[in-house]
N, C-alpha and C. Protein backbone atom coordinates (compact mmCIF):
# COMPACT_ATOMS: atom_id res chain seq x y z
N MET A 1 -4.15 -22.26 -15.49
CA MET A 1 -2.73 -22.15 -15.25
C MET A 1 -2.29 -23.31 -14.37
N THR A 2 -1.25 -23.98 -14.79
CA THR A 2 -0.74 -25.08 -13.99
C THR A 2 0.29 -24.57 -12.99
N ALA A 3 0.63 -25.41 -12.03
CA ALA A 3 1.60 -25.02 -11.01
C ALA A 3 2.98 -24.74 -11.61
N THR A 4 3.27 -25.34 -12.76
CA THR A 4 4.58 -25.14 -13.37
C THR A 4 4.63 -23.88 -14.23
N THR A 5 3.49 -23.31 -14.55
CA THR A 5 3.47 -22.08 -15.34
C THR A 5 3.94 -20.93 -14.47
N SER A 6 4.85 -20.13 -15.03
CA SER A 6 5.32 -19.00 -14.24
C SER A 6 4.28 -17.88 -14.27
N LEU A 7 4.24 -17.15 -13.19
CA LEU A 7 3.28 -16.05 -13.07
C LEU A 7 3.74 -14.85 -13.88
N GLU A 8 2.77 -14.10 -14.39
CA GLU A 8 3.10 -12.84 -15.03
C GLU A 8 3.64 -11.89 -13.97
N THR A 9 4.56 -11.05 -14.39
CA THR A 9 5.14 -10.07 -13.47
C THR A 9 4.52 -8.71 -13.69
N VAL A 10 4.15 -8.07 -12.60
CA VAL A 10 3.69 -6.68 -12.63
C VAL A 10 4.52 -5.89 -11.61
N ARG A 11 4.61 -4.59 -11.82
CA ARG A 11 5.26 -3.72 -10.85
C ARG A 11 4.20 -2.81 -10.25
N LEU A 12 4.20 -2.75 -8.93
CA LEU A 12 3.23 -1.94 -8.20
C LEU A 12 3.98 -0.91 -7.36
N TYR A 13 3.79 0.36 -7.71
CA TYR A 13 4.39 1.47 -6.97
C TYR A 13 3.29 2.08 -6.12
N THR A 14 3.53 2.25 -4.82
CA THR A 14 2.47 2.75 -3.94
C THR A 14 3.00 3.82 -3.00
N ASP A 15 2.07 4.65 -2.53
CA ASP A 15 2.42 5.63 -1.51
C ASP A 15 1.17 6.08 -0.79
N GLY A 16 1.40 6.62 0.40
CA GLY A 16 0.35 7.23 1.19
C GLY A 16 0.86 8.54 1.73
N ALA A 17 -0.05 9.46 2.00
CA ALA A 17 0.34 10.77 2.52
C ALA A 17 -0.76 11.26 3.45
N CYS A 18 -0.37 12.08 4.40
CA CYS A 18 -1.33 12.59 5.37
C CYS A 18 -0.96 14.02 5.74
N SER A 19 -1.98 14.87 5.92
CA SER A 19 -1.77 16.23 6.41
C SER A 19 -2.20 16.23 7.87
N GLY A 20 -1.23 16.10 8.76
CA GLY A 20 -1.54 15.82 10.15
C GLY A 20 -1.57 14.31 10.30
N ASN A 21 -1.47 13.84 11.49
CA ASN A 21 -1.45 12.38 11.68
C ASN A 21 -2.09 12.06 13.04
N PRO A 22 -3.41 11.98 13.13
CA PRO A 22 -4.36 11.84 12.03
C PRO A 22 -4.73 13.18 11.39
N GLY A 23 -5.33 13.02 10.22
CA GLY A 23 -5.80 14.16 9.44
C GLY A 23 -6.26 13.65 8.09
N PRO A 24 -6.52 14.56 7.17
CA PRO A 24 -6.88 14.13 5.82
C PRO A 24 -5.69 13.44 5.16
N GLY A 25 -5.97 12.34 4.47
CA GLY A 25 -4.88 11.59 3.86
C GLY A 25 -5.24 11.07 2.49
N GLY A 26 -4.20 10.73 1.73
CA GLY A 26 -4.40 10.20 0.39
C GLY A 26 -3.53 8.99 0.14
N TRP A 27 -3.95 8.17 -0.78
CA TRP A 27 -3.19 6.98 -1.20
C TRP A 27 -3.12 7.00 -2.72
N ALA A 28 -2.13 6.29 -3.27
CA ALA A 28 -2.00 6.22 -4.72
C ALA A 28 -1.22 4.97 -5.11
N TYR A 29 -1.46 4.54 -6.36
CA TYR A 29 -0.65 3.47 -6.92
C TYR A 29 -0.51 3.64 -8.42
N ILE A 30 0.59 3.11 -8.92
CA ILE A 30 0.81 2.93 -10.36
C ILE A 30 1.09 1.45 -10.53
N LEU A 31 0.37 0.82 -11.42
CA LEU A 31 0.51 -0.61 -11.69
C LEU A 31 0.98 -0.77 -13.13
N GLU A 32 2.17 -1.35 -13.30
CA GLU A 32 2.74 -1.54 -14.64
C GLU A 32 2.77 -3.02 -14.99
N HIS A 33 2.43 -3.31 -16.24
CA HIS A 33 2.52 -4.66 -16.79
C HIS A 33 3.61 -4.62 -17.86
N PRO A 34 4.86 -4.94 -17.48
CA PRO A 34 5.98 -4.79 -18.42
C PRO A 34 5.83 -5.56 -19.73
N ALA A 35 5.21 -6.73 -19.71
CA ALA A 35 5.10 -7.54 -20.93
C ALA A 35 4.25 -6.84 -21.99
N SER A 36 3.23 -6.12 -21.58
CA SER A 36 2.35 -5.46 -22.55
C SER A 36 2.66 -3.96 -22.68
N GLY A 37 3.39 -3.42 -21.71
CA GLY A 37 3.67 -1.99 -21.73
C GLY A 37 2.52 -1.17 -21.15
N ARG A 38 1.47 -1.83 -20.68
CA ARG A 38 0.31 -1.11 -20.13
C ARG A 38 0.58 -0.66 -18.70
N SER A 39 -0.10 0.41 -18.33
CA SER A 39 0.03 0.95 -17.00
C SER A 39 -1.32 1.53 -16.58
N THR A 40 -1.68 1.32 -15.31
CA THR A 40 -2.88 1.93 -14.76
C THR A 40 -2.49 2.61 -13.46
N GLN A 41 -3.30 3.57 -13.08
CA GLN A 41 -3.03 4.26 -11.82
C GLN A 41 -4.34 4.72 -11.21
N ALA A 42 -4.29 4.91 -9.90
CA ALA A 42 -5.48 5.40 -9.19
C ALA A 42 -5.02 6.05 -7.89
N SER A 43 -5.90 6.86 -7.35
CA SER A 43 -5.65 7.49 -6.06
C SER A 43 -6.97 7.76 -5.39
N GLY A 44 -6.91 8.02 -4.09
CA GLY A 44 -8.11 8.32 -3.34
C GLY A 44 -7.74 8.98 -2.03
N ALA A 45 -8.75 9.38 -1.27
CA ALA A 45 -8.48 10.11 -0.04
C ALA A 45 -9.53 9.79 1.01
N GLU A 46 -9.17 10.05 2.26
CA GLU A 46 -10.07 9.90 3.40
C GLU A 46 -9.93 11.15 4.27
N PRO A 47 -11.03 11.59 4.89
CA PRO A 47 -10.99 12.84 5.65
C PRO A 47 -10.24 12.78 6.98
N ASN A 48 -10.23 11.64 7.63
CA ASN A 48 -9.60 11.54 8.95
C ASN A 48 -8.92 10.19 9.07
N THR A 49 -7.61 10.18 8.86
CA THR A 49 -6.87 8.92 8.79
C THR A 49 -5.45 9.14 9.25
N THR A 50 -4.61 8.13 9.06
CA THR A 50 -3.19 8.25 9.41
C THR A 50 -2.34 7.92 8.19
N ASN A 51 -1.09 8.32 8.24
CA ASN A 51 -0.18 8.04 7.15
C ASN A 51 -0.04 6.53 6.93
N ASN A 52 0.09 5.76 8.01
CA ASN A 52 0.25 4.31 7.85
C ASN A 52 -0.98 3.67 7.21
N ARG A 53 -2.17 4.14 7.56
CA ARG A 53 -3.38 3.59 6.92
C ARG A 53 -3.37 3.89 5.42
N MET A 54 -2.93 5.07 5.05
CA MET A 54 -2.89 5.43 3.64
C MET A 54 -1.82 4.64 2.89
N GLU A 55 -0.68 4.37 3.54
CA GLU A 55 0.34 3.51 2.92
C GLU A 55 -0.25 2.13 2.62
N LEU A 56 -0.96 1.58 3.58
CA LEU A 56 -1.59 0.26 3.39
C LEU A 56 -2.66 0.31 2.31
N ARG A 57 -3.48 1.35 2.29
CA ARG A 57 -4.55 1.46 1.29
C ARG A 57 -3.98 1.50 -0.12
N GLY A 58 -2.86 2.17 -0.32
CA GLY A 58 -2.24 2.20 -1.65
C GLY A 58 -1.91 0.81 -2.15
N VAL A 59 -1.34 -0.01 -1.28
CA VAL A 59 -0.99 -1.39 -1.65
C VAL A 59 -2.26 -2.21 -1.89
N ILE A 60 -3.21 -2.10 -0.98
CA ILE A 60 -4.46 -2.87 -1.10
C ILE A 60 -5.18 -2.52 -2.39
N GLU A 61 -5.34 -1.24 -2.67
CA GLU A 61 -6.04 -0.83 -3.88
C GLU A 61 -5.33 -1.32 -5.14
N GLY A 62 -4.00 -1.27 -5.13
CA GLY A 62 -3.25 -1.76 -6.28
C GLY A 62 -3.41 -3.26 -6.49
N LEU A 63 -3.34 -4.02 -5.40
CA LEU A 63 -3.52 -5.47 -5.51
C LEU A 63 -4.95 -5.83 -5.92
N GLU A 64 -5.92 -5.07 -5.44
CA GLU A 64 -7.31 -5.34 -5.82
C GLU A 64 -7.56 -5.10 -7.31
N ALA A 65 -6.72 -4.30 -7.94
CA ALA A 65 -6.87 -4.03 -9.38
C ALA A 65 -6.42 -5.21 -10.25
N LEU A 66 -5.69 -6.15 -9.67
CA LEU A 66 -5.21 -7.29 -10.44
C LEU A 66 -6.34 -8.29 -10.68
N LYS A 67 -6.38 -8.83 -11.89
CA LYS A 67 -7.46 -9.75 -12.27
C LYS A 67 -7.12 -11.21 -12.04
N ARG A 68 -5.82 -11.53 -11.88
CA ARG A 68 -5.40 -12.92 -11.69
C ARG A 68 -4.10 -12.94 -10.87
N PRO A 69 -3.73 -14.09 -10.35
CA PRO A 69 -2.49 -14.17 -9.57
C PRO A 69 -1.28 -13.73 -10.40
N CYS A 70 -0.41 -12.97 -9.77
CA CYS A 70 0.78 -12.44 -10.44
C CYS A 70 1.98 -12.47 -9.51
N ARG A 71 3.13 -12.32 -10.10
CA ARG A 71 4.34 -12.01 -9.34
C ARG A 71 4.35 -10.48 -9.27
N VAL A 72 4.25 -9.96 -8.08
CA VAL A 72 4.13 -8.52 -7.88
C VAL A 72 5.42 -7.98 -7.31
N GLU A 73 6.07 -7.11 -8.07
CA GLU A 73 7.22 -6.39 -7.56
C GLU A 73 6.69 -5.11 -6.94
N LEU A 74 6.55 -5.12 -5.62
CA LEU A 74 5.99 -3.99 -4.87
C LEU A 74 7.11 -3.03 -4.51
N VAL A 75 7.00 -1.80 -4.96
CA VAL A 75 7.99 -0.76 -4.67
C VAL A 75 7.33 0.26 -3.75
N THR A 76 7.88 0.39 -2.54
CA THR A 76 7.31 1.28 -1.54
C THR A 76 8.40 2.03 -0.80
N ASP A 77 8.09 3.22 -0.34
CA ASP A 77 9.04 3.95 0.51
C ASP A 77 8.67 3.80 1.98
N SER A 78 7.68 2.97 2.26
CA SER A 78 7.19 2.78 3.62
C SER A 78 7.86 1.59 4.30
N GLN A 79 8.66 1.86 5.33
CA GLN A 79 9.22 0.78 6.14
C GLN A 79 8.09 -0.02 6.79
N TYR A 80 7.03 0.67 7.18
CA TYR A 80 5.87 0.03 7.81
C TYR A 80 5.30 -1.06 6.91
N VAL A 81 5.10 -0.74 5.64
CA VAL A 81 4.57 -1.72 4.69
C VAL A 81 5.61 -2.79 4.40
N ALA A 82 6.84 -2.38 4.10
CA ALA A 82 7.88 -3.34 3.72
C ALA A 82 8.16 -4.33 4.85
N ARG A 83 8.39 -3.83 6.05
CA ARG A 83 8.69 -4.73 7.17
C ARG A 83 7.44 -5.50 7.60
N GLY A 84 6.29 -4.86 7.51
CA GLY A 84 5.05 -5.55 7.86
C GLY A 84 4.83 -6.77 7.01
N LEU A 85 4.99 -6.63 5.70
CA LEU A 85 4.78 -7.77 4.80
C LEU A 85 5.86 -8.84 4.94
N THR A 86 7.10 -8.43 5.10
CA THR A 86 8.20 -9.39 5.06
C THR A 86 8.58 -9.96 6.42
N GLU A 87 8.35 -9.21 7.50
CA GLU A 87 8.79 -9.66 8.82
C GLU A 87 7.66 -9.86 9.82
N TRP A 88 6.82 -8.85 9.97
CA TRP A 88 5.88 -8.82 11.08
C TRP A 88 4.63 -9.67 10.88
N LEU A 89 4.08 -9.66 9.66
CA LEU A 89 2.80 -10.31 9.39
C LEU A 89 2.75 -11.79 9.81
N PRO A 90 3.74 -12.60 9.47
CA PRO A 90 3.66 -14.01 9.90
C PRO A 90 3.59 -14.16 11.43
N ARG A 91 4.35 -13.33 12.14
CA ARG A 91 4.33 -13.38 13.61
C ARG A 91 2.99 -12.94 14.16
N TRP A 92 2.46 -11.85 13.62
CA TRP A 92 1.16 -11.35 14.09
C TRP A 92 0.09 -12.43 13.94
N LYS A 93 0.06 -13.08 12.80
CA LYS A 93 -0.94 -14.13 12.56
C LYS A 93 -0.76 -15.28 13.54
N ALA A 94 0.48 -15.69 13.75
CA ALA A 94 0.77 -16.80 14.68
C ALA A 94 0.37 -16.44 16.11
N GLN A 95 0.38 -15.16 16.43
CA GLN A 95 0.05 -14.68 17.78
C GLN A 95 -1.39 -14.19 17.86
N GLY A 96 -2.24 -14.63 16.92
CA GLY A 96 -3.66 -14.23 16.94
C GLY A 96 -3.87 -12.75 16.68
N TRP A 97 -3.13 -12.20 15.71
CA TRP A 97 -3.21 -10.79 15.34
C TRP A 97 -2.87 -9.88 16.52
N ARG A 98 -1.84 -10.31 17.24
CA ARG A 98 -1.30 -9.52 18.35
C ARG A 98 0.18 -9.28 18.06
N ARG A 99 0.70 -8.19 18.61
CA ARG A 99 2.12 -7.87 18.48
C ARG A 99 2.71 -7.71 19.87
N LYS A 100 3.98 -8.02 19.97
CA LYS A 100 4.66 -7.89 21.27
C LYS A 100 5.02 -6.44 21.50
N GLU A 101 4.69 -5.99 22.69
CA GLU A 101 5.12 -4.68 23.15
C GLU A 101 5.64 -4.89 24.56
N GLY A 102 6.96 -4.87 24.68
CA GLY A 102 7.56 -5.26 25.95
C GLY A 102 7.30 -6.74 26.17
N LYS A 103 6.70 -7.07 27.31
CA LYS A 103 6.39 -8.46 27.61
C LYS A 103 4.92 -8.78 27.36
N GLN A 104 4.19 -7.82 26.83
CA GLN A 104 2.74 -8.00 26.61
C GLN A 104 2.43 -8.14 25.12
N LEU A 105 1.32 -8.81 24.85
CA LEU A 105 0.78 -8.86 23.49
C LEU A 105 -0.32 -7.82 23.39
N LYS A 106 -0.22 -6.97 22.38
CA LYS A 106 -1.20 -5.91 22.15
C LYS A 106 -1.82 -6.11 20.77
N PRO A 107 -3.03 -5.57 20.58
CA PRO A 107 -3.65 -5.69 19.25
C PRO A 107 -2.78 -5.03 18.17
N VAL A 108 -2.78 -5.63 16.98
CA VAL A 108 -2.07 -5.06 15.84
C VAL A 108 -2.81 -3.78 15.42
N VAL A 109 -2.05 -2.71 15.28
CA VAL A 109 -2.61 -1.44 14.82
C VAL A 109 -2.98 -1.60 13.33
N ASN A 110 -4.12 -1.09 12.95
CA ASN A 110 -4.63 -1.20 11.57
C ASN A 110 -4.91 -2.65 11.16
N GLU A 111 -5.35 -3.42 12.12
CA GLU A 111 -5.59 -4.85 11.88
C GLU A 111 -6.53 -5.09 10.70
N ASP A 112 -7.56 -4.26 10.57
CA ASP A 112 -8.50 -4.45 9.46
C ASP A 112 -7.80 -4.39 8.11
N LEU A 113 -6.90 -3.45 7.93
CA LEU A 113 -6.19 -3.32 6.66
C LEU A 113 -5.12 -4.41 6.50
N TRP A 114 -4.44 -4.76 7.58
CA TRP A 114 -3.45 -5.84 7.50
C TRP A 114 -4.12 -7.16 7.13
N ARG A 115 -5.30 -7.42 7.69
CA ARG A 115 -6.02 -8.66 7.35
C ARG A 115 -6.39 -8.67 5.86
N ARG A 116 -6.85 -7.54 5.35
CA ARG A 116 -7.21 -7.46 3.93
C ARG A 116 -5.96 -7.64 3.07
N LEU A 117 -4.88 -6.99 3.45
CA LEU A 117 -3.64 -7.12 2.70
C LEU A 117 -3.13 -8.57 2.73
N ASP A 118 -3.26 -9.21 3.86
CA ASP A 118 -2.87 -10.62 3.98
C ASP A 118 -3.68 -11.49 3.02
N GLN A 119 -4.98 -11.25 2.94
CA GLN A 119 -5.84 -12.01 2.00
C GLN A 119 -5.36 -11.82 0.58
N LEU A 120 -5.14 -10.57 0.20
CA LEU A 120 -4.72 -10.28 -1.17
C LEU A 120 -3.33 -10.85 -1.46
N ALA A 121 -2.43 -10.72 -0.50
CA ALA A 121 -1.06 -11.20 -0.69
C ALA A 121 -1.02 -12.71 -0.88
N SER A 122 -1.96 -13.43 -0.29
CA SER A 122 -1.97 -14.89 -0.42
C SER A 122 -2.27 -15.34 -1.84
N THR A 123 -2.84 -14.46 -2.65
CA THR A 123 -3.16 -14.78 -4.04
C THR A 123 -1.96 -14.58 -4.96
N HIS A 124 -1.02 -13.76 -4.55
CA HIS A 124 0.09 -13.36 -5.41
C HIS A 124 1.42 -13.75 -4.79
N ARG A 125 2.46 -13.65 -5.58
CA ARG A 125 3.82 -13.80 -5.06
C ARG A 125 4.41 -12.40 -5.03
N ILE A 126 4.53 -11.85 -3.84
CA ILE A 126 4.96 -10.45 -3.69
C ILE A 126 6.42 -10.39 -3.30
N VAL A 127 7.16 -9.59 -4.05
CA VAL A 127 8.55 -9.29 -3.76
C VAL A 127 8.60 -7.80 -3.42
N VAL A 128 9.05 -7.48 -2.21
CA VAL A 128 9.03 -6.10 -1.74
C VAL A 128 10.38 -5.44 -1.97
N GLN A 129 10.33 -4.25 -2.55
CA GLN A 129 11.53 -3.43 -2.70
C GLN A 129 11.29 -2.11 -1.98
N HIS A 130 12.09 -1.83 -0.97
CA HIS A 130 11.97 -0.56 -0.24
C HIS A 130 12.90 0.46 -0.90
N VAL A 131 12.37 1.64 -1.19
CA VAL A 131 13.16 2.74 -1.73
C VAL A 131 13.08 3.93 -0.78
N LEU A 132 14.07 4.77 -0.83
CA LEU A 132 14.04 5.98 0.00
C LEU A 132 13.07 6.98 -0.61
N SER A 133 12.27 7.62 0.25
CA SER A 133 11.32 8.61 -0.25
C SER A 133 12.05 9.90 -0.63
N HIS A 134 11.46 10.60 -1.57
CA HIS A 134 11.99 11.90 -2.03
C HIS A 134 13.47 11.80 -2.38
N ASN A 135 13.79 10.73 -3.11
CA ASN A 135 15.18 10.48 -3.46
C ASN A 135 15.36 10.34 -4.98
N GLY A 136 14.41 10.88 -5.73
CA GLY A 136 14.55 10.90 -7.18
C GLY A 136 14.05 9.67 -7.92
N HIS A 137 13.42 8.70 -7.23
CA HIS A 137 12.86 7.53 -7.91
C HIS A 137 11.60 8.01 -8.65
N PRO A 138 11.59 7.97 -9.98
CA PRO A 138 10.49 8.61 -10.74
C PRO A 138 9.09 8.14 -10.36
N GLU A 139 8.88 6.83 -10.28
CA GLU A 139 7.53 6.34 -9.97
C GLU A 139 7.16 6.61 -8.52
N ASN A 140 8.13 6.53 -7.61
CA ASN A 140 7.85 6.83 -6.22
C ASN A 140 7.48 8.31 -6.06
N GLU A 141 8.18 9.17 -6.77
CA GLU A 141 7.84 10.60 -6.73
C GLU A 141 6.45 10.83 -7.31
N ALA A 142 6.11 10.09 -8.37
CA ALA A 142 4.80 10.24 -9.00
C ALA A 142 3.66 9.82 -8.07
N VAL A 143 3.79 8.67 -7.40
CA VAL A 143 2.72 8.23 -6.50
C VAL A 143 2.62 9.15 -5.29
N ASP A 144 3.74 9.71 -4.87
CA ASP A 144 3.71 10.68 -3.77
C ASP A 144 2.88 11.90 -4.19
N ARG A 145 3.16 12.44 -5.38
CA ARG A 145 2.40 13.61 -5.87
C ARG A 145 0.91 13.27 -5.99
N MET A 146 0.60 12.07 -6.46
CA MET A 146 -0.80 11.65 -6.62
C MET A 146 -1.51 11.56 -5.27
N ALA A 147 -0.85 10.98 -4.27
CA ALA A 147 -1.45 10.83 -2.94
C ALA A 147 -1.70 12.20 -2.30
N VAL A 148 -0.73 13.09 -2.41
CA VAL A 148 -0.88 14.44 -1.86
C VAL A 148 -2.00 15.18 -2.58
N ALA A 149 -2.03 15.07 -3.91
CA ALA A 149 -3.09 15.73 -4.69
C ALA A 149 -4.47 15.21 -4.29
N ALA A 150 -4.57 13.91 -4.00
CA ALA A 150 -5.86 13.32 -3.62
C ALA A 150 -6.38 13.93 -2.33
N TYR A 151 -5.54 14.05 -1.31
CA TYR A 151 -6.06 14.62 -0.05
C TYR A 151 -6.26 16.12 -0.17
N ARG A 152 -5.44 16.79 -0.97
CA ARG A 152 -5.65 18.24 -1.16
C ARG A 152 -6.98 18.51 -1.86
N GLU A 153 -7.32 17.67 -2.83
CA GLU A 153 -8.60 17.80 -3.52
C GLU A 153 -9.75 17.57 -2.54
N LEU A 154 -9.60 16.58 -1.67
CA LEU A 154 -10.61 16.30 -0.66
C LEU A 154 -10.81 17.53 0.25
N ILE A 155 -9.71 18.11 0.70
CA ILE A 155 -9.79 19.30 1.55
C ILE A 155 -10.47 20.44 0.80
N ARG A 156 -10.08 20.67 -0.44
CA ARG A 156 -10.65 21.74 -1.26
C ARG A 156 -12.15 21.53 -1.46
N ASP A 157 -12.55 20.28 -1.72
CA ASP A 157 -13.98 19.99 -1.95
C ASP A 157 -14.81 20.13 -0.68
N ARG A 158 -14.18 20.02 0.48
CA ARG A 158 -14.92 20.07 1.74
C ARG A 158 -15.03 21.47 2.32
N ARG A 159 -14.27 22.42 1.74
CA ARG A 159 -14.34 23.80 2.23
C ARG A 159 -15.72 24.39 1.93
N PRO A 160 -16.25 25.14 2.88
CA PRO A 160 -17.52 25.80 2.59
C PRO A 160 -17.32 26.87 1.51
N SER A 161 -18.24 26.93 0.59
CA SER A 161 -18.14 27.95 -0.45
C SER A 161 -18.76 29.24 0.05
N GLY A 162 -18.32 30.33 -0.52
CA GLY A 162 -18.97 31.56 -0.14
C GLY A 162 -18.02 32.61 0.11
């Protein structure tokens, strides 16, 4: 692919959910390739996590599913993800992965996931669209159900039988 070739466009819908914060949590994504009409989806869960970590995991897992650089239309209901990618990340990197809190610089929360997301984002051209949660957006509602189902399944599988 040459620099003048335009990137293929994909749509990535993501969500994270948590029962308690921290507590068991789930992430999910739907990845659509409009040119071919194909769609893939995945979800997963962790036993002890936070909602923000699950929001980030949904995006990371979706981007990791891509085989080549793309223009990614990322649709998220997470202000944390949307503002992190568009506003905060460049500053954090410039400040050595630190964020301002008052007059002090503090470590970036979830730095491990932000660093991974930064690596993946550098491969693609990401356009972020923030949508309101539980507001009737079909794909956002779908990834929400998938993320919740993932952590509920984890909880169910971890219950002692008997």
